[in-house]
Amino acid sequence: MGNTSVFYKVEIDTHEAPLQPIVYFRKCRKCTTAKGADRQHNRIVNEVVNDWRQESHKIRRYTISRVPADVVVKGYIR
C-alpha cells in the first residue's frame, strides 16, 4: 500500500447498542500539508454525517480517527 494513502476509522455508536459500535474504514490519498490533512479530515466527517443522515435519530456519537495502515491490513481494531 505504500506511503500514498491514509486511512480513517469510522465508529458509530447507536442508542440501541452503545457497546457494539458500527466500525468501518475509509481510504484517501495522503495530503502533503497539515492544512490539507485538516481539510481532508473535515471532509470525511461531513461525508460520514451526510451518509448516515437518514439514521441520525438512532445515532449517539460519531468517532472518526486517522489510523495506520497496519490496523486496516491486519484487521486490528485499537
PDB file of N, CA and C in Angstrom:
ATOM      1  N   MET A   1       0.802  -1.190   0.000  1.00  0.00           N
ATOM      2  CA  MET A   1       0.000   0.000   0.000  1.00  0.00           C
ATOM      3  C   MET A   1       0.846   1.255   0.000  1.00  0.00           C
ATOM      4  N   GLY A   2       2.061   1.141   0.386  1.00  0.00           N
ATOM      5  CA  GLY A   2       2.975   2.259   0.286  1.00  0.00           C
ATOM      6  C   GLY A   2       2.650   3.399   1.235  1.00  0.00           C
ATOM      7  N   ASN A   3       3.131   4.546   0.840  1.00  0.00           N
ATOM      8  CA  ASN A   3       3.000   5.727   1.681  1.00  0.00           C
ATOM      9  C   ASN A   3       2.101   6.765   1.032  1.00  0.00           C
ATOM     10  N   THR A   4       1.247   6.367   0.105  1.00  0.00           N
ATOM     11  CA  THR A   4       0.438   7.328  -0.628  1.00  0.00           C
ATOM     12  C   THR A   4      -0.995   7.417  -0.133  1.00  0.00           C
ATOM     13  N   SER A   5      -1.370   6.602   0.829  1.00  0.00           N
ATOM     14  CA  SER A   5      -2.743   6.598   1.320  1.00  0.00           C
ATOM     15  C   SER A   5      -2.788   6.746   2.830  1.00  0.00           C
ATOM     16  N   VAL A   6      -3.888   7.315   3.298  1.00  0.00           N
ATOM     17  CA  VAL A   6      -4.176   7.372   4.727  1.00  0.00           C
ATOM     18  C   VAL A   6      -5.529   6.706   4.949  1.00  0.00           C
ATOM     19  N   PHE A   7      -5.720   6.219   6.157  1.00  0.00           N
ATOM     20  CA  PHE A   7      -6.950   5.506   6.478  1.00  0.00           C
ATOM     21  C   PHE A   7      -7.645   6.164   7.656  1.00  0.00           C
ATOM     22  N   TYR A   8      -8.945   6.195   7.585  1.00  0.00           N
ATOM     23  CA  TYR A   8      -9.756   6.740   8.657  1.00  0.00           C
ATOM     24  C   TYR A   8     -10.660   5.637   9.199  1.00  0.00           C
ATOM     25  N   LYS A   9     -10.711   5.517  10.504  1.00  0.00           N
ATOM     26  CA  LYS A   9     -11.612   4.561  11.132  1.00  0.00           C
ATOM     27  C   LYS A   9     -12.860   5.316  11.566  1.00  0.00           C
ATOM     28  N   VAL A  10     -14.006   4.831  11.145  1.00  0.00           N
ATOM     29  CA  VAL A  10     -15.286   5.446  11.485  1.00  0.00           C
ATOM     30  C   VAL A  10     -16.002   4.527  12.462  1.00  0.00           C
ATOM     31  N   GLU A  11     -16.316   5.058  13.632  1.00  0.00           N
ATOM     32  CA  GLU A  11     -17.077   4.308  14.628  1.00  0.00           C
ATOM     33  C   GLU A  11     -18.385   5.060  14.875  1.00  0.00           C
ATOM     34  N   ILE A  12     -19.488   4.336  14.818  1.00  0.00           N
ATOM     35  CA  ILE A  12     -20.788   4.941  15.027  1.00  0.00           C
ATOM     36  C   ILE A  12     -21.462   4.228  16.191  1.00  0.00           C
ATOM     37  N   ASP A  13     -21.716   4.992  17.260  1.00  0.00           N
ATOM     38  CA  ASP A  13     -22.407   4.453  18.432  1.00  0.00           C
ATOM     39  C   ASP A  13     -23.894   4.742  18.283  1.00  0.00           C
ATOM     40  N   THR A  14     -24.698   3.716  18.461  1.00  0.00           N
ATOM     41  CA  THR A  14     -26.139   3.879  18.357  1.00  0.00           C
ATOM     42  C   THR A  14     -26.785   3.806  19.740  1.00  0.00           C
ATOM     43  N   HIS A  15     -28.002   4.324  19.835  1.00  0.00           N
ATOM     44  CA  HIS A  15     -28.745   4.255  21.096  1.00  0.00           C
ATOM     45  C   HIS A  15     -29.094   2.805  21.437  1.00  0.00           C
ATOM     46  N   GLU A  16     -29.370   1.995  20.415  1.00  0.00           N
ATOM     47  CA  GLU A  16     -29.802   0.620  20.631  1.00  0.00           C
ATOM     48  C   GLU A  16     -28.680  -0.297  21.108  1.00  0.00           C
ATOM     49  N   ALA A  17     -27.456  -0.052  20.652  1.00  0.00           N
ATOM     50  CA  ALA A  17     -26.319  -0.910  21.010  1.00  0.00           C
ATOM     51  C   ALA A  17     -25.082  -0.054  21.278  1.00  0.00           C
ATOM     52  N   PRO A  18     -25.048   0.650  22.425  1.00  0.00           N
ATOM     53  CA  PRO A  18     -23.924   1.558  22.685  1.00  0.00           C
ATOM     54  C   PRO A  18     -22.575   0.864  22.875  1.00  0.00           C
ATOM     55  N   LEU A  19     -22.584  -0.414  23.241  1.00  0.00           N
ATOM     56  CA  LEU A  19     -21.325  -1.132  23.469  1.00  0.00           C
ATOM     57  C   LEU A  19     -20.828  -1.861  22.228  1.00  0.00           C
ATOM     58  N   GLN A  20     -21.609  -1.862  21.150  1.00  0.00           N
ATOM     59  CA  GLN A  20     -21.224  -2.524  19.904  1.00  0.00           C
ATOM     60  C   GLN A  20     -21.317  -1.522  18.757  1.00  0.00           C
ATOM     61  N   PRO A  21     -20.296  -0.686  18.610  1.00  0.00           N
ATOM     62  CA  PRO A  21     -20.358   0.329  17.557  1.00  0.00           C
ATOM     63  C   PRO A  21     -20.217  -0.282  16.163  1.00  0.00           C
ATOM     64  N   ILE A  22     -20.743   0.431  15.201  1.00  0.00           N
ATOM     65  CA  ILE A  22     -20.530   0.089  13.793  1.00  0.00           C
ATOM     66  C   ILE A  22     -19.157   0.639  13.439  1.00  0.00           C
ATOM     67  N   VAL A  23     -18.275  -0.201  12.908  1.00  0.00           N
ATOM     68  CA  VAL A  23     -16.903   0.211  12.595  1.00  0.00           C
ATOM     69  C   VAL A  23     -16.610  -0.110  11.137  1.00  0.00           C
ATOM     70  N   TYR A  24     -16.112   0.901  10.409  1.00  0.00           N
ATOM     71  CA  TYR A  24     -15.623   0.658   9.063  1.00  0.00           C
ATOM     72  C   TYR A  24     -14.502   1.638   8.763  1.00  0.00           C
ATOM     73  N   PHE A  25     -13.809   1.418   7.658  1.00  0.00           N
ATOM     74  CA  PHE A  25     -12.630   2.207   7.316  1.00  0.00           C
ATOM     75  C   PHE A  25     -12.827   2.923   5.993  1.00  0.00           C
ATOM     76  N   ARG A  26     -12.202   4.092   5.880  1.00  0.00           N
ATOM     77  CA  ARG A  26     -12.195   4.854   4.634  1.00  0.00           C
ATOM     78  C   ARG A  26     -10.739   5.073   4.219  1.00  0.00           C
ATOM     79  N   LYS A  27     -10.483   5.012   2.934  1.00  0.00           N
ATOM     80  CA  LYS A  27      -9.128   5.197   2.404  1.00  0.00           C
ATOM     81  C   LYS A  27      -9.119   6.454   1.546  1.00  0.00           C
ATOM     82  N   CYS A  28      -8.073   7.301   1.733  1.00  0.00           N
ATOM     83  CA  CYS A  28      -7.933   8.538   0.964  1.00  0.00           C
ATOM     84  C   CYS A  28      -6.470   8.732   0.590  1.00  0.00           C
ATOM     85  N   ARG A  29      -6.254   9.569  -0.391  1.00  0.00           N
ATOM     86  CA  ARG A  29      -4.873   9.927  -0.740  1.00  0.00           C
ATOM     87  C   ARG A  29      -4.263  10.759   0.359  1.00  0.00           C
ATOM     88  N   LYS A  30      -2.973  10.604   0.562  1.00  0.00           N
ATOM     89  CA  LYS A  30      -2.277  11.339   1.604  1.00  0.00           C
ATOM     90  C   LYS A  30      -2.071  12.788   1.176  1.00  0.00           C
ATOM     91  N   CYS A  31      -2.361  13.711   2.069  1.00  0.00           N
ATOM     92  CA  CYS A  31      -2.154  15.135   1.801  1.00  0.00           C
ATOM     93  C   CYS A  31      -0.708  15.512   2.082  1.00  0.00           C
ATOM     94  N   THR A  32      -0.242  16.549   1.412  1.00  0.00           N
ATOM     95  CA  THR A  32       1.154  16.952   1.568  1.00  0.00           C
ATOM     96  C   THR A  32       1.351  18.007   2.653  1.00  0.00           C
ATOM     97  N   THR A  33       0.279  18.671   3.101  1.00  0.00           N
ATOM     98  CA  THR A  33       0.409  19.699   4.126  1.00  0.00           C
ATOM     99  C   THR A  33      -0.522  19.396   5.294  1.00  0.00           C
ATOM    100  N   ALA A  34      -0.218  19.999   6.428  1.00  0.00           N
ATOM    101  CA  ALA A  34      -1.071  19.822   7.612  1.00  0.00           C
ATOM    102  C   ALA A  34      -2.441  20.441   7.388  1.00  0.00           C
ATOM    103  N   LYS A  35      -2.472  21.570   6.709  1.00  0.00           N
ATOM    104  CA  LYS A  35      -3.753  22.223   6.426  1.00  0.00           C
ATOM    105  C   LYS A  35      -4.609  21.350   5.507  1.00  0.00           C
ATOM    106  N   GLY A  36      -3.976  20.724   4.534  1.00  0.00           N
ATOM    107  CA  GLY A  36      -4.694  19.820   3.646  1.00  0.00           C
ATOM    108  C   GLY A  36      -5.231  18.612   4.393  1.00  0.00           C
ATOM    109  N   ALA A  37      -4.444  18.072   5.324  1.00  0.00           N
ATOM    110  CA  ALA A  37      -4.892  16.928   6.125  1.00  0.00           C
ATOM    111  C   ALA A  37      -6.068  17.326   7.008  1.00  0.00           C
ATOM    112  N   ASP A  38      -6.029  18.553   7.529  1.00  0.00           N
ATOM    113  CA  ASP A  38      -7.135  19.054   8.338  1.00  0.00           C
ATOM    114  C   ASP A  38      -8.414  19.172   7.502  1.00  0.00           C
ATOM    115  N   ARG A  39      -8.283  19.705   6.323  1.00  0.00           N
ATOM    116  CA  ARG A  39      -9.438  19.816   5.417  1.00  0.00           C
ATOM    117  C   ARG A  39      -9.978  18.442   5.040  1.00  0.00           C
ATOM    118  N   GLN A  40      -9.062  17.507   4.777  1.00  0.00           N
ATOM    119  CA  GLN A  40      -9.477  16.157   4.412  1.00  0.00           C
ATOM    120  C   GLN A  40     -10.258  15.509   5.552  1.00  0.00           C
ATOM    121  N   HIS A  41      -9.780  15.672   6.778  1.00  0.00           N
ATOM    122  CA  HIS A  41     -10.485  15.114   7.924  1.00  0.00           C
ATOM    123  C   HIS A  41     -11.882  15.723   8.037  1.00  0.00           C
ATOM    124  N   ASN A  42     -11.990  17.029   7.873  1.00  0.00           N
ATOM    125  CA  ASN A  42     -13.297  17.690   7.918  1.00  0.00           C
ATOM    126  C   ASN A  42     -14.215  17.179   6.812  1.00  0.00           C
ATOM    127  N   ARG A  43     -13.655  16.946   5.630  1.00  0.00           N
ATOM    128  CA  ARG A  43     -14.451  16.428   4.508  1.00  0.00           C
ATOM    129  C   ARG A  43     -14.974  15.027   4.809  1.00  0.00           C
ATOM    130  N   ILE A  44     -14.108  14.180   5.386  1.00  0.00           N
ATOM    131  CA  ILE A  44     -14.515  12.818   5.742  1.00  0.00           C
ATOM    132  C   ILE A  44     -15.638  12.867   6.780  1.00  0.00           C
ATOM    133  N   VAL A  45     -15.489  13.730   7.782  1.00  0.00           N
ATOM    134  CA  VAL A  45     -16.517  13.868   8.815  1.00  0.00           C
ATOM    135  C   VAL A  45     -17.843  14.284   8.178  1.00  0.00           C
ATOM    136  N   ASN A  46     -17.815  15.286   7.322  1.00  0.00           N
ATOM    137  CA  ASN A  46     -19.043  15.759   6.679  1.00  0.00           C
ATOM    138  C   ASN A  46     -19.674  14.681   5.802  1.00  0.00           C
ATOM    139  N   GLU A  47     -18.864  13.921   5.085  1.00  0.00           N
ATOM    140  CA  GLU A  47     -19.401  12.850   4.239  1.00  0.00           C
ATOM    141  C   GLU A  47     -20.056  11.748   5.071  1.00  0.00           C
ATOM    142  N   VAL A  48     -19.428  11.388   6.191  1.00  0.00           N
ATOM    143  CA  VAL A  48     -19.995  10.353   7.054  1.00  0.00           C
ATOM    144  C   VAL A  48     -21.334  10.815   7.622  1.00  0.00           C
ATOM    145  N   VAL A  49     -21.378  12.055   8.103  1.00  0.00           N
ATOM    146  CA  VAL A  49     -22.623  12.577   8.660  1.00  0.00           C
ATOM    147  C   VAL A  49     -23.712  12.609   7.588  1.00  0.00           C
ATOM    148  N   ASN A  50     -23.364  13.026   6.374  1.00  0.00           N
ATOM    149  CA  ASN A  50     -24.349  13.050   5.286  1.00  0.00           C
ATOM    150  C   ASN A  50     -24.796  11.651   4.898  1.00  0.00           C
ATOM    151  N   ASP A  51     -23.867  10.698   4.872  1.00  0.00           N
ATOM    152  CA  ASP A  51     -24.214   9.319   4.513  1.00  0.00           C
ATOM    153  C   ASP A  51     -25.175   8.682   5.519  1.00  0.00           C
ATOM    154  N   TRP A  52     -25.050   9.046   6.772  1.00  0.00           N
ATOM    155  CA  TRP A  52     -25.870   8.450   7.828  1.00  0.00           C
ATOM    156  C   TRP A  52     -27.022   9.351   8.261  1.00  0.00           C
ATOM    157  N   ARG A  53     -27.316  10.391   7.501  1.00  0.00           N
ATOM    158  CA  ARG A  53     -28.338  11.372   7.887  1.00  0.00           C
ATOM    159  C   ARG A  53     -29.715  10.734   8.095  1.00  0.00           C
ATOM    160  N   GLN A  54     -30.084   9.765   7.273  1.00  0.00           N
ATOM    161  CA  GLN A  54     -31.400   9.131   7.409  1.00  0.00           C
ATOM    162  C   GLN A  54     -31.544   8.363   8.714  1.00  0.00           C
ATOM    163  N   GLU A  55     -30.432   7.904   9.253  1.00  0.00           N
ATOM    164  CA  GLU A  55     -30.459   7.138  10.502  1.00  0.00           C
ATOM    165  C   GLU A  55     -30.017   7.979  11.705  1.00  0.00           C
ATOM    166  N   SER A  56     -29.945   9.292  11.550  1.00  0.00           N
ATOM    167  CA  SER A  56     -29.370  10.151  12.590  1.00  0.00           C
ATOM    168  C   SER A  56     -30.149  10.096  13.908  1.00  0.00           C
ATOM    169  N   HIS A  57     -31.422   9.792  13.867  1.00  0.00           N
ATOM    170  CA  HIS A  57     -32.201   9.711  15.108  1.00  0.00           C
ATOM    171  C   HIS A  57     -31.802   8.503  15.961  1.00  0.00           C
ATOM    172  N   LYS A  58     -31.116   7.527  15.372  1.00  0.00           N
ATOM    173  CA  LYS A  58     -30.675   6.331  16.102  1.00  0.00           C
ATOM    174  C   LYS A  58     -29.230   6.448  16.594  1.00  0.00           C
ATOM    175  N   ILE A  59     -28.517   7.477  16.162  1.00  0.00           N
ATOM    176  CA  ILE A  59     -27.075   7.570  16.417  1.00  0.00           C
ATOM    177  C   ILE A  59     -26.785   8.479  17.606  1.00  0.00           C
ATOM    178  N   ARG A  60     -25.928   7.982  18.497  1.00  0.00           N
ATOM    179  CA  ARG A  60     -25.485   8.762  19.660  1.00  0.00           C
ATOM    180  C   ARG A  60     -24.226   9.556  19.356  1.00  0.00           C
ATOM    181  N   ARG A  61     -23.263   8.903  18.688  1.00  0.00           N
ATOM    182  CA  ARG A  61     -21.962   9.555  18.508  1.00  0.00           C
ATOM    183  C   ARG A  61     -21.244   9.001  17.292  1.00  0.00           C
ATOM    184  N   TYR A  62     -20.559   9.890  16.592  1.00  0.00           N
ATOM    185  CA  TYR A  62     -19.642   9.522  15.512  1.00  0.00           C
ATOM    186  C   TYR A  62     -18.231   9.731  16.037  1.00  0.00           C
ATOM    187  N   THR A  63     -17.341   8.767  15.783  1.00  0.00           N
ATOM    188  CA  THR A  63     -15.929   8.939  16.111  1.00  0.00           C
ATOM    189  C   THR A  63     -15.139   8.607  14.852  1.00  0.00           C
ATOM    190  N   ILE A  64     -14.424   9.606  14.347  1.00  0.00           N
ATOM    191  CA  ILE A  64     -13.657   9.429  13.113  1.00  0.00           C
ATOM    192  C   ILE A  64     -12.209   9.764  13.422  1.00  0.00           C
ATOM    193  N   SER A  65     -11.332   8.773  13.256  1.00  0.00           N
ATOM    194  CA  SER A  65      -9.926   8.973  13.584  1.00  0.00           C
ATOM    195  C   SER A  65      -9.040   8.417  12.484  1.00  0.00           C
ATOM    196  N   ARG A  66      -7.879   9.023  12.374  1.00  0.00           N
ATOM    197  CA  ARG A  66      -6.881   8.564  11.407  1.00  0.00           C
ATOM    198  C   ARG A  66      -6.113   7.400  12.022  1.00  0.00           C
ATOM    199  N   VAL A  67      -5.952   6.329  11.260  1.00  0.00           N
ATOM    200  CA  VAL A  67      -5.274   5.136  11.785  1.00  0.00           C
ATOM    201  C   VAL A  67      -4.163   4.710  10.833  1.00  0.00           C
ATOM    202  N   PRO A  68      -3.137   4.004  11.357  1.00  0.00           N
ATOM    203  CA  PRO A  68      -2.075   3.498  10.495  1.00  0.00           C
ATOM    204  C   PRO A  68      -2.576   2.356   9.601  1.00  0.00           C
ATOM    205  N   ALA A  69      -1.868   2.120   8.518  1.00  0.00           N
ATOM    206  CA  ALA A  69      -2.278   1.116   7.530  1.00  0.00           C
ATOM    207  C   ALA A  69      -2.326  -0.293   8.116  1.00  0.00           C
ATOM    208  N   ASP A  70      -1.443  -0.616   9.067  1.00  0.00           N
ATOM    209  CA  ASP A  70      -1.438  -1.979   9.610  1.00  0.00           C
ATOM    210  C   ASP A  70      -2.725  -2.303  10.358  1.00  0.00           C
ATOM    211  N   VAL A  71      -3.416  -1.316  10.867  1.00  0.00           N
ATOM    212  CA  VAL A  71      -4.701  -1.541  11.524  1.00  0.00           C
ATOM    213  C   VAL A  71      -5.716  -2.063  10.527  1.00  0.00           C
ATOM    214  N   VAL A  72      -5.697  -1.507   9.325  1.00  0.00           N
ATOM    215  CA  VAL A  72      -6.645  -1.898   8.288  1.00  0.00           C
ATOM    216  C   VAL A  72      -6.241  -3.222   7.649  1.00  0.00           C
ATOM    217  N   VAL A  73      -4.970  -3.382   7.350  1.00  0.00           N
ATOM    218  CA  VAL A  73      -4.497  -4.571   6.646  1.00  0.00           C
ATOM    219  C   VAL A  73      -4.650  -5.824   7.495  1.00  0.00           C
ATOM    220  N   LYS A  74      -4.260  -5.747   8.749  1.00  0.00           N
ATOM    221  CA  LYS A  74      -4.313  -6.911   9.626  1.00  0.00           C
ATOM    222  C   LYS A  74      -5.652  -7.064  10.328  1.00  0.00           C
ATOM    223  N   GLY A  75      -6.518  -6.069  10.180  1.00  0.00           N
ATOM    224  CA  GLY A  75      -7.843  -6.161  10.775  1.00  0.00           C
ATOM    225  C   GLY A  75      -7.886  -5.843  12.255  1.00  0.00           C
ATOM    226  N   TYR A  76      -6.827  -5.259  12.792  1.00  0.00           N
ATOM    227  CA  TYR A  76      -6.826  -4.917  14.210  1.00  0.00           C
ATOM    228  C   TYR A  76      -7.697  -3.689  14.436  1.00  0.00           C
ATOM    229  N   ILE A  77      -8.383  -3.692  15.543  1.00  0.00           N
ATOM    230  CA  ILE A  77      -9.140  -2.503  15.934  1.00  0.00           C
ATOM    231  C   ILE A  77      -8.602  -2.075  17.280  1.00  0.00           C
ATOM    232  N   ARG A  78      -8.006  -0.910  17.290  1.00  0.00           N
ATOM    233  CA  ARG A  78      -7.398  -0.403  18.522  1.00  0.00           C
ATOM    234  C   ARG A  78      -8.362   0.478  19.268  1.00  0.00           C
TER     235      ARG A  78
END
